[in-house]
Amino acid sequence: MRLLPHRLDTTRGLLGALLTVFALVAAVLSTAPAAHADTQICDTFGSTTIQGRYVVQNNRWGTDATQCITVTDSGFRISQADGSVPTNGAPKSYPSVYNGCHYTNCSPGTALPARLNTISSAPTSISYSYVNDAVYDAAYDIWLDPTARKDGVNQTEIMVWFNKVGSIQPVGSQSGTATVGGRTWQVWSGNNGSNNVLSFVAPSAITSWNFDVMDFVQQAISRQMASADWYLTSVQAGFEPWQNGAGLAVTSFSSTVNTGSGGGTTPPGQSSCQVTYGTSVWTDGFTADVTIRNTGSTPVDNWKLAFTLPSGQRVTNSWNATVSPASGAVTATAQSHNAQIAAGGSQSFGFQGSYSGTFAAPSDFTLNGTACTKA
């Protein structure tokens, strides 16, 4: 007769233990972070933010056909890309992720717009995932303007094509090749009717790369397509599809703009550097001895001197700096032992070259994006 109450006590104990377990599970679930759900955007110009610092935008403007992107914590994927446009015209869209301002939509906490001669470096990284059943380019865009523009179209667009599939080409015509960031690029220049475009096209697909945006900005300055007192307004990474495009993805993106150190805070119209360019010339050859003097009040770190060699000149070797490419718009990059120019101090480098025709010296020099005077 006593067994029944004993069984009831045991049952109550088991129920109590189970309730305790359920309570613990509920507490753990209530404190665990919620799983992130990817966001799908199909609105023509719909956008959202990721990582609290970048904007991802659908940015469809060349067709009425549906385009949708799936936004992740680290980038986005084109999930639907209907319609097509002729390959001899503009693409149908530019879904992208960016740092800066695009038609008044500025990314959270951005340092942009920033005047070029105040930027010491702009490190960035990008990773792409490609497909082959589409016509498109994978483009990293750098926007420059004479004003601190947050809306509308900027005056100069630099496009860095990491990949292209199909019979498409950049705006304008090819003007040669250049070595930028240690890579060789085809260089194209032209105007699309709204802004000037300077394009750098990789000869083969690049899936990921870390680089300094200012390396490409200096190329634009040396080609008179921008000036050191202009502004960097945004950097953007995405795709320009002409046909299809579903599956294309930016898998990671980062962008930082460092101001104040190395670039200086020189007011527009003034210079904080002076270049002495001495030459020894003989038939078909020459040497150049170059001295850079920092006339500003702050040190210049990791200096890069950009200038354009006159037509017919070609660098054959250099010392105390790496000079590349061999001709055209070149950049002399400091070596580890002379990477800083103290305030009021100077650094020197030299190179040997060949030439044809009449010899002449370069007319303009920019140091880390700042125009220099000639001694």
Protein backbone atom coordinates (compact mmCIF):
# COMPACT_ATOMS: atom_id res chain seq x y z
CA MET A 1 0.00 0.00 0.00
CA ARG A 2 2.93 2.35 0.52
CA LEU A 3 4.24 1.76 -3.01
CA LEU A 4 1.72 4.08 -4.65
CA PRO A 5 2.67 7.20 -2.69
CA HIS A 6 6.33 6.36 -3.27
CA ARG A 7 5.71 6.25 -7.04
CA LEU A 8 3.87 9.59 -6.91
CA ASP A 9 6.81 11.21 -5.10
CA THR A 10 9.20 9.85 -7.71
CA THR A 11 7.03 11.20 -10.54
CA ARG A 12 6.89 14.62 -8.93
CA GLY A 13 10.71 14.58 -8.63
CA LEU A 14 11.15 13.71 -12.29
CA LEU A 15 8.74 16.42 -13.37
CA GLY A 16 10.57 18.94 -11.25
CA ALA A 17 13.90 17.97 -12.78
CA LEU A 18 12.48 18.25 -16.29
CA LEU A 19 11.04 21.69 -15.57
CA THR A 20 14.42 22.80 -14.30
CA VAL A 21 16.09 21.57 -17.49
CA PHE A 22 13.50 23.35 -19.65
CA ALA A 23 14.04 26.56 -17.70
CA LEU A 24 17.80 26.35 -18.22
CA VAL A 25 17.36 25.74 -21.96
CA ALA A 26 14.96 28.68 -22.22
CA ALA A 27 17.44 30.91 -20.39
CA VAL A 28 20.25 29.91 -22.74
CA LEU A 29 18.10 30.49 -25.81
CA SER A 30 16.96 33.87 -24.55
CA THR A 31 20.54 35.08 -24.05
CA ALA A 32 22.02 33.56 -27.23
CA PRO A 33 22.49 36.02 -30.14
CA ALA A 34 19.81 35.80 -32.80
CA ALA A 35 20.93 34.25 -36.07
CA HIS A 36 21.45 36.85 -38.80
CA ALA A 37 19.04 36.55 -41.69
CA ASP A 38 20.37 37.65 -45.07
CA THR A 39 18.48 40.62 -46.54
CA GLN A 40 17.06 40.54 -50.06
CA ILE A 41 16.74 43.83 -51.95
CA CYS A 42 14.81 44.06 -55.22
CA ASP A 43 13.95 47.78 -55.16
CA THR A 44 15.60 49.67 -58.02
CA PHE A 45 17.82 51.78 -55.75
CA GLY A 46 17.23 49.90 -52.50
CA SER A 47 20.09 49.81 -49.98
CA THR A 48 21.05 48.70 -46.49
CA THR A 49 24.12 48.87 -44.25
CA ILE A 50 26.51 46.13 -43.14
CA GLN A 51 29.04 46.03 -40.31
CA GLY A 52 27.75 49.42 -39.20
CA ARG A 53 30.04 51.14 -41.70
CA TYR A 54 29.31 50.25 -45.34
CA VAL A 55 26.30 50.66 -47.65
CA VAL A 56 25.18 47.89 -50.02
CA GLN A 57 22.97 49.05 -52.91
CA ASN A 58 21.00 47.29 -55.67
CA ASN A 59 21.46 50.27 -58.03
CA ARG A 60 19.57 49.08 -61.14
CA TRP A 61 19.16 51.84 -63.72
CA GLY A 62 19.72 50.51 -67.26
CA THR A 63 16.70 48.19 -67.59
CA ASP A 64 13.20 47.67 -66.20
CA ALA A 65 13.82 43.95 -65.70
CA THR A 66 14.01 42.62 -62.14
CA GLN A 67 17.31 42.55 -60.29
CA CYS A 68 17.62 41.33 -56.71
CA ILE A 69 20.61 41.10 -54.40
CA THR A 70 21.03 39.08 -51.24
CA VAL A 71 22.99 41.06 -48.67
CA THR A 72 25.24 39.17 -46.23
CA ASP A 73 27.31 40.33 -43.25
CA SER A 74 30.38 40.63 -45.48
CA GLY A 75 29.01 41.64 -48.90
CA PHE A 76 26.27 40.59 -51.30
CA ARG A 77 25.26 38.16 -54.03
CA ILE A 78 23.18 38.88 -57.13
CA SER A 79 20.27 36.46 -56.69
CA GLN A 80 18.21 37.50 -59.73
CA ALA A 81 19.38 39.39 -62.84
CA ASP A 82 16.74 39.43 -65.54
CA GLY A 83 17.04 41.23 -68.87
CA SER A 84 19.97 42.33 -71.00
CA VAL A 85 21.28 45.43 -72.79
CA PRO A 86 23.53 45.82 -75.89
CA THR A 87 27.22 45.26 -75.11
CA ASN A 88 28.25 48.35 -77.12
CA GLY A 89 26.51 50.64 -74.63
CA ALA A 90 26.22 51.16 -70.90
CA PRO A 91 25.59 48.24 -68.50
CA LYS A 92 22.19 47.65 -66.90
CA SER A 93 23.22 48.23 -63.27
CA TYR A 94 26.00 48.51 -60.72
CA PRO A 95 25.09 46.58 -57.55
CA SER A 96 27.84 47.43 -55.12
CA VAL A 97 29.11 47.97 -51.58
CA TYR A 98 30.73 51.28 -50.71
CA ASN A 99 32.41 53.60 -48.24
CA GLY A 100 31.56 57.29 -48.71
CA CYS A 101 28.63 59.17 -50.18
CA HIS A 102 26.47 58.25 -53.19
CA TYR A 103 23.60 60.57 -54.10
CA THR A 104 23.37 61.87 -50.47
CA ASN A 105 23.35 58.31 -49.07
CA CYS A 106 26.51 58.31 -46.93
CA SER A 107 27.89 55.25 -45.17
CA PRO A 108 27.87 55.41 -41.34
CA GLY A 109 30.87 57.20 -39.82
CA THR A 110 32.64 57.69 -43.15
CA ALA A 111 35.66 60.02 -43.42
CA LEU A 112 34.60 60.92 -46.96
CA PRO A 113 34.54 63.28 -48.73
CA ALA A 114 38.21 64.01 -47.89
CA ARG A 115 40.63 66.31 -49.69
CA LEU A 116 43.29 64.30 -51.49
CA ASN A 117 46.24 66.22 -50.09
CA THR A 118 45.10 65.36 -46.55
CA ILE A 119 44.93 61.60 -47.18
CA SER A 120 48.06 59.70 -46.16
CA SER A 121 46.72 56.30 -47.21
CA ALA A 122 43.46 54.58 -48.13
CA PRO A 123 43.95 50.83 -47.63
CA THR A 124 41.22 48.58 -48.97
CA SER A 125 40.53 44.91 -49.67
CA ILE A 126 38.02 43.13 -51.88
CA SER A 127 37.14 39.53 -52.71
CA TYR A 128 34.92 38.50 -55.63
CA SER A 129 33.14 35.32 -56.70
CA TYR A 130 32.57 35.00 -60.46
CA VAL A 131 30.31 33.14 -62.91
CA ASN A 132 30.85 32.46 -66.61
CA ASP A 133 27.27 32.44 -67.93
CA ALA A 134 26.96 36.24 -68.01
CA VAL A 135 28.47 39.33 -69.63
CA TYR A 136 29.88 41.69 -67.01
CA ASP A 137 32.85 43.39 -65.43
CA ALA A 138 33.89 43.29 -61.77
CA ALA A 139 34.76 46.91 -61.04
CA TYR A 140 36.23 48.81 -58.10
CA ASP A 141 35.20 52.47 -58.53
CA ILE A 142 37.02 55.50 -57.10
CA TRP A 143 35.16 58.83 -57.37
CA LEU A 144 36.91 62.23 -57.41
CA ASP A 145 35.52 65.75 -57.58
CA PRO A 146 36.80 69.35 -57.21
CA THR A 147 34.24 69.83 -54.41
CA ALA A 148 33.27 67.85 -51.32
CA ARG A 149 30.30 66.47 -53.23
CA LYS A 150 27.82 64.18 -51.52
CA ASP A 151 25.24 64.08 -54.31
CA GLY A 152 25.12 63.91 -58.09
CA VAL A 153 27.84 62.86 -60.53
CA ASN A 154 31.51 63.45 -59.74
CA GLN A 155 33.89 64.86 -62.34
CA THR A 156 36.31 61.91 -62.55
CA GLU A 157 35.69 58.20 -62.13
CA ILE A 158 38.56 55.73 -61.76
CA MET A 159 37.51 52.17 -62.61
CA VAL A 160 39.66 49.17 -61.69
CA TRP A 161 38.42 46.13 -63.61
CA PHE A 162 39.30 42.97 -61.69
CA ASN A 163 37.63 40.77 -64.32
CA LYS A 164 35.57 40.97 -67.49
CA VAL A 165 33.56 38.36 -69.36
CA GLY A 166 32.16 38.95 -72.85
CA SER A 167 32.70 41.48 -75.63
CA ILE A 168 32.77 44.61 -73.49
CA GLN A 169 35.35 47.36 -73.02
CA PRO A 170 35.83 50.44 -70.84
CA VAL A 171 34.82 53.96 -71.81
CA GLY A 172 37.11 55.65 -74.37
CA SER A 173 40.21 54.07 -75.85
CA GLN A 174 43.32 52.31 -74.60
CA SER A 175 46.18 54.70 -73.96
CA GLY A 176 48.89 52.23 -72.94
CA THR A 177 49.77 50.19 -69.87
CA ALA A 178 50.82 51.06 -66.32
CA THR A 179 52.12 49.30 -63.23
CA VAL A 180 50.04 50.22 -60.20
CA GLY A 181 50.23 48.47 -56.85
CA GLY A 182 52.78 46.04 -58.26
CA ARG A 183 50.40 44.85 -61.01
CA THR A 184 50.36 45.62 -64.73
CA TRP A 185 47.15 47.09 -66.17
CA GLN A 186 45.77 48.15 -69.52
CA VAL A 187 44.92 51.85 -69.24
CA TRP A 188 41.84 53.34 -70.92
CA SER A 189 40.60 56.93 -70.79
CA GLY A 190 37.56 58.76 -72.10
CA ASN A 191 34.30 60.49 -71.19
CA ASN A 192 30.87 58.87 -70.88
CA GLY A 193 28.95 62.10 -71.40
CA SER A 194 28.61 62.78 -67.68
CA ASN A 195 32.15 62.44 -66.31
CA ASN A 196 35.72 61.61 -67.23
CA VAL A 197 36.66 57.95 -66.86
CA LEU A 198 40.13 56.48 -66.26
CA SER A 199 40.07 52.67 -66.34
CA PHE A 200 42.66 50.06 -65.34
CA VAL A 201 41.92 46.61 -66.75
CA ALA A 202 43.56 43.46 -65.38
CA PRO A 203 44.88 41.15 -68.15
CA SER A 204 43.47 38.15 -66.25
CA ALA A 205 40.91 37.73 -63.50
CA ILE A 206 41.79 38.81 -59.94
CA THR A 207 39.61 37.21 -57.27
CA SER A 208 40.95 39.12 -54.24
CA TRP A 209 43.44 41.90 -53.54
CA ASN A 210 44.58 44.31 -50.82
CA PHE A 211 45.81 47.68 -52.13
CA ASP A 212 46.00 51.42 -51.51
CA VAL A 213 43.38 53.47 -53.33
CA MET A 214 45.80 56.42 -53.42
CA ASP A 215 48.07 54.54 -55.85
CA PHE A 216 45.33 54.85 -58.47
CA VAL A 217 44.46 58.41 -57.42
CA GLN A 218 48.07 59.45 -58.06
CA GLN A 219 47.77 58.02 -61.57
CA ALA A 220 44.75 60.25 -62.20
CA ILE A 221 46.63 63.28 -60.87
CA SER A 222 49.71 62.59 -63.00
CA ARG A 223 47.45 62.34 -66.09
CA GLN A 224 45.80 65.71 -65.30
CA MET A 225 42.43 64.04 -64.65
CA ALA A 226 42.40 65.26 -61.04
CA SER A 227 44.28 67.64 -58.76
CA ALA A 228 45.73 67.28 -55.27
CA ASP A 229 43.19 69.73 -53.87
CA TRP A 230 40.25 67.67 -55.19
CA TYR A 231 38.20 65.34 -52.98
CA LEU A 232 37.80 61.59 -52.72
CA THR A 233 34.04 61.15 -52.27
CA SER A 234 33.52 57.37 -52.32
CA VAL A 235 35.04 53.99 -53.13
CA GLN A 236 32.70 51.27 -54.40
CA ALA A 237 33.08 47.60 -55.33
CA GLY A 238 30.62 45.60 -57.38
CA PHE A 239 29.59 44.43 -60.84
CA GLU A 240 28.43 45.98 -64.10
CA PRO A 241 26.32 43.31 -65.83
CA TRP A 242 25.11 43.60 -69.43
CA GLN A 243 23.54 40.14 -69.66
CA ASN A 244 22.39 37.93 -66.77
CA GLY A 245 24.66 38.08 -63.68
CA ALA A 246 22.94 35.86 -61.11
CA GLY A 247 25.52 34.29 -58.80
CA LEU A 248 28.07 37.09 -58.96
CA ALA A 249 29.15 38.03 -55.44
CA VAL A 250 31.30 40.35 -53.38
CA THR A 251 32.35 38.01 -50.58
CA SER A 252 34.29 40.57 -48.53
CA PHE A 253 35.02 44.31 -48.56
CA SER A 254 36.93 46.72 -46.35
CA SER A 255 37.92 50.38 -46.75
CA THR A 256 39.75 52.83 -44.51
CA VAL A 257 40.77 56.41 -45.25
CA ASN A 258 43.64 57.75 -43.14
CA THR A 259 44.02 61.52 -43.01
CA GLY A 260 46.41 63.95 -41.38
CA SER A 261 49.70 61.95 -41.40
CA GLY A 262 51.92 61.90 -44.45
CA GLY A 263 49.43 63.67 -46.68
CA GLY A 264 49.73 66.91 -44.70
CA THR A 265 47.10 69.59 -44.33
CA THR A 266 48.27 71.96 -47.03
CA PRO A 267 45.64 74.53 -48.09
CA PRO A 268 44.61 74.44 -51.76
CA GLY A 269 46.95 76.42 -54.00
CA GLN A 270 49.95 75.94 -51.70
CA SER A 271 52.71 73.35 -51.77
CA SER A 272 54.55 71.56 -48.97
CA CYS A 273 57.22 69.94 -51.15
CA GLN A 274 59.90 70.95 -53.61
CA VAL A 275 61.57 68.77 -56.25
CA THR A 276 65.04 69.25 -57.72
CA TYR A 277 65.45 67.28 -60.96
CA GLY A 278 69.04 67.19 -62.20
CA THR A 279 70.03 65.33 -65.37
CA SER A 280 73.09 64.18 -67.28
CA VAL A 281 72.22 63.57 -70.94
CA TRP A 282 74.07 61.87 -73.78
CA THR A 283 73.03 60.45 -77.15
CA ASP A 284 70.05 58.12 -76.58
CA GLY A 285 70.59 57.99 -72.79
CA PHE A 286 70.42 59.96 -69.56
CA THR A 287 70.52 59.82 -65.76
CA ALA A 288 68.26 61.77 -63.42
CA ASP A 289 69.11 62.70 -59.83
CA VAL A 290 65.99 63.71 -57.93
CA THR A 291 65.79 65.39 -54.53
CA ILE A 292 62.48 65.78 -52.69
CA ARG A 293 62.38 68.43 -49.97
CA ASN A 294 59.59 68.46 -47.40
CA THR A 295 58.80 72.16 -46.89
CA GLY A 296 55.82 71.37 -44.63
CA SER A 297 55.60 71.17 -40.84
CA THR A 298 54.87 67.41 -40.54
CA PRO A 299 56.84 64.34 -41.67
CA VAL A 300 55.90 62.56 -44.90
CA ASP A 301 55.78 58.78 -44.42
CA ASN A 302 56.05 56.13 -47.13
CA TRP A 303 56.53 58.75 -49.81
CA LYS A 304 55.60 58.27 -53.45
CA LEU A 305 56.56 60.80 -56.10
CA ALA A 306 54.41 60.73 -59.25
CA PHE A 307 55.42 62.36 -62.54
CA THR A 308 55.11 61.79 -66.27
CA LEU A 309 58.13 61.05 -68.44
CA PRO A 310 58.02 62.84 -71.80
CA SER A 311 57.30 60.72 -74.87
CA GLY A 312 60.23 58.54 -75.97
CA GLN A 313 61.80 58.23 -72.50
CA ARG A 314 62.14 54.89 -70.72
CA VAL A 315 63.58 53.95 -67.30
CA THR A 316 66.18 51.16 -67.40
CA ASN A 317 67.25 51.04 -63.72
CA SER A 318 66.93 53.06 -60.51
CA TRP A 319 68.44 53.48 -57.05
CA ASN A 320 67.07 54.54 -53.63
CA ALA A 321 63.54 54.15 -55.03
CA THR A 322 61.46 51.82 -57.18
CA VAL A 323 60.37 53.62 -60.35
CA SER A 324 57.50 52.06 -62.28
CA PRO A 325 56.23 51.63 -64.91
CA ALA A 326 59.17 52.16 -67.28
CA SER A 327 57.50 54.95 -69.28
CA GLY A 328 54.61 57.38 -69.29
CA ALA A 329 53.03 58.22 -65.93
CA VAL A 330 55.47 56.77 -63.39
CA THR A 331 55.72 56.62 -59.61
CA ALA A 332 58.92 56.56 -57.57
CA THR A 333 58.27 54.62 -54.35
CA ALA A 334 60.48 54.90 -51.27
CA GLN A 335 62.55 52.00 -50.00
CA SER A 336 62.56 50.90 -46.36
CA HIS A 337 65.70 52.87 -45.44
CA ASN A 338 64.43 56.24 -46.74
CA ALA A 339 60.65 55.92 -46.32
CA GLN A 340 60.24 59.09 -44.23
CA ILE A 341 60.98 62.69 -45.16
CA ALA A 342 61.24 64.73 -41.98
CA ALA A 343 59.72 68.21 -41.79
CA GLY A 344 62.29 70.48 -43.40
CA GLY A 345 64.29 67.44 -44.57
CA SER A 346 64.86 65.75 -47.91
CA GLN A 347 65.38 62.39 -49.61
CA SER A 348 67.08 61.65 -52.92
CA PHE A 349 66.86 58.94 -55.54
CA GLY A 350 67.97 58.47 -59.13
CA PHE A 351 67.44 56.48 -62.26
CA GLN A 352 68.97 55.81 -65.65
CA GLY A 353 67.02 55.80 -68.87
CA SER A 354 66.98 55.88 -72.64
CA TYR A 355 65.24 58.36 -74.92
CA SER A 356 64.50 59.13 -78.53
CA GLY A 357 63.90 62.49 -80.16
CA THR A 358 64.48 65.68 -78.16
CA PHE A 359 65.21 65.27 -74.45
CA ALA A 360 63.04 67.12 -71.92
CA ALA A 361 62.44 66.97 -68.16
CA PRO A 362 59.06 66.22 -66.56
CA SER A 363 56.97 69.31 -65.94
CA ASP A 364 54.94 68.35 -62.84
CA PHE A 365 55.50 66.32 -59.67
CA THR A 366 53.11 65.19 -56.91
CA LEU A 367 54.20 63.81 -53.54
CA ASN A 368 51.59 61.49 -51.95
CA GLY A 369 48.97 63.35 -53.96
CA THR A 370 50.26 66.86 -53.19
CA ALA A 371 51.58 68.98 -56.07
CA CYS A 372 55.22 70.05 -55.60
CA THR A 373 57.09 73.09 -56.84
CA LYS A 374 60.24 72.68 -58.96
CA ALA A 375 63.52 74.09 -57.72
